[in-house]
PDB file of N, CA and C in Angstrom:
ATOM      1  N   MET A   1      83.518  80.405 101.404  1.00  0.00           N
ATOM      2  CA  MET A   1      83.584  80.883 100.253  1.00  0.00           C
ATOM      3  C   MET A   1      83.668  79.174  99.186  1.00  0.00           C
ATOM      4  N   VAL A   2      82.665  79.719  98.342  1.00  0.00           N
ATOM      5  CA  VAL A   2      83.659  78.332  96.816  1.00  0.00           C
ATOM      6  C   VAL A   2      83.959  79.230  95.369  1.00  0.00           C
ATOM      7  N   GLY A   3      85.072  78.551  95.115  1.00  0.00           N
ATOM      8  CA  GLY A   3      85.565  78.536  93.353  1.00  0.00           C
ATOM      9  C   GLY A   3      86.301  77.330  93.770  1.00  0.00           C
ATOM     10  N   ASN A   4      86.791  77.111  91.823  1.00  0.00           N
ATOM     11  CA  ASN A   4      87.950  76.494  91.937  1.00  0.00           C
ATOM     12  C   ASN A   4      88.590  76.666  90.545  1.00  0.00           C
ATOM     13  N   THR A   5      88.015  77.543  89.841  1.00  0.00           N
ATOM     14  CA  THR A   5      89.125  78.767  89.392  1.00  0.00           C
ATOM     15  C   THR A   5      90.396  78.222  89.573  1.00  0.00           C
ATOM     16  N   PRO A   6      91.413  78.716  88.781  1.00  0.00           N
ATOM     17  CA  PRO A   6      92.964  79.197  89.332  1.00  0.00           C
ATOM     18  C   PRO A   6      93.304  80.385  90.545  1.00  0.00           C
ATOM     19  N   ALA A   7      91.740  81.606  89.276  1.00  0.00           N
ATOM     20  CA  ALA A   7      92.543  83.249  90.421  1.00  0.00           C
ATOM     21  C   ALA A   7      91.771  82.809  92.032  1.00  0.00           C
ATOM     22  N   MET A   8      90.538  81.634  92.056  1.00  0.00           N
ATOM     23  CA  MET A   8      89.889  81.320  93.946  1.00  0.00           C
ATOM     24  C   MET A   8      90.943  80.280  93.893  1.00  0.00           C
ATOM     25  N   ARG A   9      91.851  79.604  94.423  1.00  0.00           N
ATOM     26  CA  ARG A   9      92.727  78.449  93.750  1.00  0.00           C
ATOM     27  C   ARG A   9      93.968  79.269  94.825  1.00  0.00           C
ATOM     28  N   GLN A  10      93.782  80.425  93.874  1.00  0.00           N
ATOM     29  CA  GLN A  10      95.034  80.945  94.802  1.00  0.00           C
ATOM     30  C   GLN A  10      94.504  82.392  95.376  1.00  0.00           C
ATOM     31  N   ILE A  11      93.882  82.461  95.374  1.00  0.00           N
ATOM     32  CA  ILE A  11      93.378  83.422  97.033  1.00  0.00           C
ATOM     33  C   ILE A  11      93.782  82.340  98.462  1.00  0.00           C
ATOM     34  N   PHE A  12      92.156  80.847  98.279  1.00  0.00           N
ATOM     35  CA  PHE A  12      92.274  79.971  99.164  1.00  0.00           C
ATOM     36  C   PHE A  12      93.906  79.526 100.325  1.00  0.00           C
ATOM     37  N   GLU A  13      95.539  79.519  98.646  1.00  0.00           N
ATOM     38  CA  GLU A  13      96.480  79.434  99.035  1.00  0.00           C
ATOM     39  C   GLU A  13      96.757  80.823  99.923  1.00  0.00           C
ATOM     40  N   THR A  14      96.187  81.637  99.790  1.00  0.00           N
ATOM     41  CA  THR A  14      96.730  82.834  99.641  1.00  0.00           C
ATOM     42  C   THR A  14      96.794  83.305 101.419  1.00  0.00           C
ATOM     43  N   ILE A  15      95.580  82.580 101.661  1.00  0.00           N
ATOM     44  CA  ILE A  15      94.208  82.593 103.242  1.00  0.00           C
ATOM     45  C   ILE A  15      95.303  81.297 103.864  1.00  0.00           C
ATOM     46  N   THR A  16      94.845  80.786 103.492  1.00  0.00           N
ATOM     47  CA  THR A  16      96.668  79.696 104.110  1.00  0.00           C
ATOM     48  C   THR A  16      97.610  80.200 104.903  1.00  0.00           C
ATOM     49  N   GLN A  17      97.613  80.439 104.165  1.00  0.00           N
ATOM     50  CA  GLN A  17      99.194  80.861 104.630  1.00  0.00           C
ATOM     51  C   GLN A  17      99.349  81.880 104.785  1.00  0.00           C
ATOM     52  N   VAL A  18      98.755  83.017 104.551  1.00  0.00           N
ATOM     53  CA  VAL A  18      98.599  84.629 106.146  1.00  0.00           C
ATOM     54  C   VAL A  18      98.493  84.161 107.100  1.00  0.00           C
ATOM     55  N   ALA A  19      97.641  83.127 107.199  1.00  0.00           N
ATOM     56  CA  ALA A  19      96.363  82.708 108.455  1.00  0.00           C
ATOM     57  C   ALA A  19      97.823  82.322 108.872  1.00  0.00           C
ATOM     58  N   LYS A  20      98.859  81.772 108.941  1.00  0.00           N
ATOM     59  CA  LYS A  20     100.501  80.782 109.948  1.00  0.00           C
ATOM     60  C   LYS A  20     100.069  81.696 111.004  1.00  0.00           C
ATOM     61  N   TRP A  21      99.941  83.088 110.636  1.00  0.00           N
ATOM     62  CA  TRP A  21     101.291  84.230 111.087  1.00  0.00           C
ATOM     63  C   TRP A  21     100.870  84.636 112.190  1.00  0.00           C
ATOM     64  N   ASP A  22     101.246  85.414 113.089  1.00  0.00           N
ATOM     65  CA  ASP A  22     100.639  86.396 114.703  1.00  0.00           C
ATOM     66  C   ASP A  22     100.965  87.423 113.597  1.00  0.00           C
ATOM     67  N   THR A  23      99.713  88.112 112.301  1.00  0.00           N
ATOM     68  CA  THR A  23     100.668  89.972 111.996  1.00  0.00           C
ATOM     69  C   THR A  23      99.067  90.518 112.014  1.00  0.00           C
ATOM     70  N   SER A  24      99.463  91.752 111.362  1.00  0.00           N
ATOM     71  CA  SER A  24      98.549  92.442 110.832  1.00  0.00           C
ATOM     72  C   SER A  24      97.754  92.444 108.902  1.00  0.00           C
ATOM     73  N   VAL A  25      97.039  92.598 109.311  1.00  0.00           N
ATOM     74  CA  VAL A  25      96.986  91.993 106.996  1.00  0.00           C
ATOM     75  C   VAL A  25      95.843  92.840 106.838  1.00  0.00           C
ATOM     76  N   LEU A  26      96.619  94.147 106.026  1.00  0.00           N
ATOM     77  CA  LEU A  26      95.715  95.222 104.973  1.00  0.00           C
ATOM     78  C   LEU A  26      94.816  94.687 103.501  1.00  0.00           C
ATOM     79  N   ILE A  27      94.050  94.220 103.793  1.00  0.00           N
ATOM     80  CA  ILE A  27      92.778  93.813 102.154  1.00  0.00           C
ATOM     81  C   ILE A  27      91.744  95.153 101.948  1.00  0.00           C
ATOM     82  N   ARG A  28      93.256  95.151 100.755  1.00  0.00           N
ATOM     83  CA  ARG A  28      92.136  96.308 100.115  1.00  0.00           C
ATOM     84  C   ARG A  28      91.226  95.870  99.030  1.00  0.00           C
ATOM     85  N   GLY A  29      90.098  96.549  98.540  1.00  0.00           N
ATOM     86  CA  GLY A  29      89.635  96.157  97.627  1.00  0.00           C
ATOM     87  C   GLY A  29      88.206  97.024  96.784  1.00  0.00           C
ATOM     88  N   GLU A  30      87.743  97.092  96.151  1.00  0.00           N
ATOM     89  CA  GLU A  30      86.824  97.760  95.968  1.00  0.00           C
ATOM     90  C   GLU A  30      85.878  97.282  96.812  1.00  0.00           C
ATOM     91  N   SER A  31      84.341  98.537  96.984  1.00  0.00           N
ATOM     92  CA  SER A  31      82.739  98.021  97.493  1.00  0.00           C
ATOM     93  C   SER A  31      82.444  96.898  97.119  1.00  0.00           C
ATOM     94  N   GLY A  32      82.046  95.760  97.865  1.00  0.00           N
ATOM     95  CA  GLY A  32      81.012  94.771  97.404  1.00  0.00           C
ATOM     96  C   GLY A  32      82.409  93.350  96.726  1.00  0.00           C
ATOM     97  N   THR A  33      83.315  93.170  96.967  1.00  0.00           N
ATOM     98  CA  THR A  33      84.770  92.565  96.985  1.00  0.00           C
ATOM     99  C   THR A  33      84.697  90.878  97.523  1.00  0.00           C
ATOM    100  N   GLY A  34      83.700  90.977  98.715  1.00  0.00           N
ATOM    101  CA  GLY A  34      84.585  89.826  99.897  1.00  0.00           C
ATOM    102  C   GLY A  34      85.336  89.943 100.591  1.00  0.00           C
ATOM    103  N   LYS A  35      85.767  90.887 100.734  1.00  0.00           N
ATOM    104  CA  LYS A  35      87.422  91.388 101.675  1.00  0.00           C
ATOM    105  C   LYS A  35      86.583  90.757 102.594  1.00  0.00           C
ATOM    106  N   GLU A  36      85.286  91.035 103.237  1.00  0.00           N
ATOM    107  CA  GLU A  36      84.805  90.287 104.385  1.00  0.00           C
ATOM    108  C   GLU A  36      85.176  89.255 104.247  1.00  0.00           C
ATOM    109  N   LEU A  37      84.501  88.593 104.247  1.00  0.00           N
ATOM    110  CA  LEU A  37      84.968  86.637 103.691  1.00  0.00           C
ATOM    111  C   LEU A  37      85.565  86.472 103.372  1.00  0.00           C
ATOM    112  N   ILE A  38      87.474  87.617 103.009  1.00  0.00           N
ATOM    113  CA  ILE A  38      88.547  86.805 103.259  1.00  0.00           C
ATOM    114  C   ILE A  38      88.785  86.616 104.750  1.00  0.00           C
ATOM    115  N   ALA A  39      89.064  88.053 105.374  1.00  0.00           N
ATOM    116  CA  ALA A  39      89.305  88.372 106.872  1.00  0.00           C
ATOM    117  C   ALA A  39      88.352  87.189 107.465  1.00  0.00           C
ATOM    118  N   GLY A  40      87.329  86.515 107.330  1.00  0.00           N
ATOM    119  CA  GLY A  40      86.797  86.107 108.215  1.00  0.00           C
ATOM    120  C   GLY A  40      87.946  84.623 107.735  1.00  0.00           C
ATOM    121  N   ALA A  41      87.788  84.025 107.195  1.00  0.00           N
ATOM    122  CA  ALA A  41      87.838  83.065 106.404  1.00  0.00           C
ATOM    123  C   ALA A  41      89.257  83.571 107.130  1.00  0.00           C
ATOM    124  N   ILE A  42      90.113  84.064 106.471  1.00  0.00           N
ATOM    125  CA  ILE A  42      91.975  84.445 108.037  1.00  0.00           C
ATOM    126  C   ILE A  42      91.678  84.441 109.227  1.00  0.00           C
ATOM    127  N   ALA A  43      90.960  84.640 109.475  1.00  0.00           N
ATOM    128  CA  ALA A  43      90.096  83.950 111.152  1.00  0.00           C
ATOM    129  C   ALA A  43      89.716  82.410 111.938  1.00  0.00           C
ATOM    130  N   TYR A  44      89.319  82.703 111.156  1.00  0.00           N
ATOM    131  CA  TYR A  44      88.577  80.708 110.959  1.00  0.00           C
ATOM    132  C   TYR A  44      90.218  80.002 111.054  1.00  0.00           C
ATOM    133  N   HIS A  45      90.859  80.028 110.025  1.00  0.00           N
ATOM    134  CA  HIS A  45      92.435  79.287 109.625  1.00  0.00           C
ATOM    135  C   HIS A  45      92.973  79.603 110.724  1.00  0.00           C
ATOM    136  N   SER A  46      93.309  80.131 111.358  1.00  0.00           N
ATOM    137  CA  SER A  46      94.171  80.916 112.543  1.00  0.00           C
ATOM    138  C   SER A  46      94.322  80.479 113.273  1.00  0.00           C
ATOM    139  N   PRO A  47      96.091  80.705 114.216  1.00  0.00           N
ATOM    140  CA  PRO A  47      95.533  80.301 115.466  1.00  0.00           C
ATOM    141  C   PRO A  47      95.483  80.530 117.219  1.00  0.00           C
ATOM    142  N   ARG A  48      94.207  81.975 116.299  1.00  0.00           N
ATOM    143  CA  ARG A  48      93.597  82.120 117.382  1.00  0.00           C
ATOM    144  C   ARG A  48      91.747  81.927 116.994  1.00  0.00           C
ATOM    145  N   ALA A  49      91.760  80.913 116.282  1.00  0.00           N
ATOM    146  CA  ALA A  49      90.837  80.915 115.488  1.00  0.00           C
ATOM    147  C   ALA A  49      89.197  81.171 117.107  1.00  0.00           C
ATOM    148  N   ASN A  50      89.985  79.792 117.710  1.00  0.00           N
ATOM    149  CA  ASN A  50      88.526  80.262 118.578  1.00  0.00           C
ATOM    150  C   ASN A  50      88.092  81.736 119.439  1.00  0.00           C
ATOM    151  N   GLN A  51      89.240  82.574 119.587  1.00  0.00           N
ATOM    152  CA  GLN A  51      89.467  84.107 119.809  1.00  0.00           C
ATOM    153  C   GLN A  51      88.262  85.262 119.439  1.00  0.00           C
ATOM    154  N   PRO A  52      88.603  85.431 120.175  1.00  0.00           N
ATOM    155  CA  PRO A  52      86.992  85.884 119.268  1.00  0.00           C
ATOM    156  C   PRO A  52      87.608  87.234 117.747  1.00  0.00           C
ATOM    157  N   TYR A  53      86.211  87.287 117.146  1.00  0.00           N
ATOM    158  CA  TYR A  53      87.246  88.132 116.282  1.00  0.00           C
ATOM    159  C   TYR A  53      85.757  89.539 115.901  1.00  0.00           C
ATOM    160  N   ILE A  54      87.221  90.235 115.746  1.00  0.00           N
ATOM    161  CA  ILE A  54      85.902  91.587 116.239  1.00  0.00           C
ATOM    162  C   ILE A  54      86.972  92.870 114.683  1.00  0.00           C
ATOM    163  N   LYS A  55      85.599  92.907 114.077  1.00  0.00           N
ATOM    164  CA  LYS A  55      85.398  93.336 112.415  1.00  0.00           C
ATOM    165  C   LYS A  55      85.681  94.611 113.001  1.00  0.00           C
ATOM    166  N   LEU A  56      87.065  95.244 112.152  1.00  0.00           N
ATOM    167  CA  LEU A  56      86.828  96.901 111.972  1.00  0.00           C
ATOM    168  C   LEU A  56      86.147  97.461 110.874  1.00  0.00           C
ATOM    169  N   ASN A  57      85.997  98.343 110.199  1.00  0.00           N
ATOM    170  CA  ASN A  57      85.464  99.134 109.242  1.00  0.00           C
ATOM    171  C   ASN A  57      86.809  99.814 108.808  1.00  0.00           C
ATOM    172  N   CYS A  58      87.137 100.706 108.197  1.00  0.00           N
ATOM    173  CA  CYS A  58      87.712 101.335 108.466  1.00  0.00           C
ATOM    174  C   CYS A  58      87.521 101.981 106.578  1.00  0.00           C
ATOM    175  N   LEU A  59      87.243 103.389 106.545  1.00  0.00           N
ATOM    176  CA  LEU A  59      86.690 104.017 105.878  1.00  0.00           C
ATOM    177  C   LEU A  59      87.831 105.292 105.327  1.00  0.00           C
ATOM    178  N   ARG A  60      87.849 105.954 103.903  1.00  0.00           N
ATOM    179  CA  ARG A  60      88.847 106.736 103.550  1.00  0.00           C
ATOM    180  C   ARG A  60      88.053 107.603 102.723  1.00  0.00           C
ATOM    181  N   LEU A  61      87.867 109.322 103.199  1.00  0.00           N
ATOM    182  CA  LEU A  61      87.035 109.780 103.044  1.00  0.00           C
ATOM    183  C   LEU A  61      87.763 110.712 102.335  1.00  0.00           C
ATOM    184  N   THR A  62      87.719 110.481 100.828  1.00  0.00           N
ATOM    185  CA  THR A  62      89.585 111.616 100.100  1.00  0.00           C
ATOM    186  C   THR A  62      88.168 112.975  98.993  1.00  0.00           C
TER     187      THR A  62
END
């Protein structure tokens, strides 16, 4: 991911903060907003970065 706007810097800071903890993270947003990129960045920066990264797609049907 690339970006230098205040909003992107905040996202990068949040990713590094969340990645420190051994916890679940719910990432919500519209289709096409980069949720999977955020999830991958969290996994990459976490202590478990060398373990398998399993993608889970949850669909909400309403």
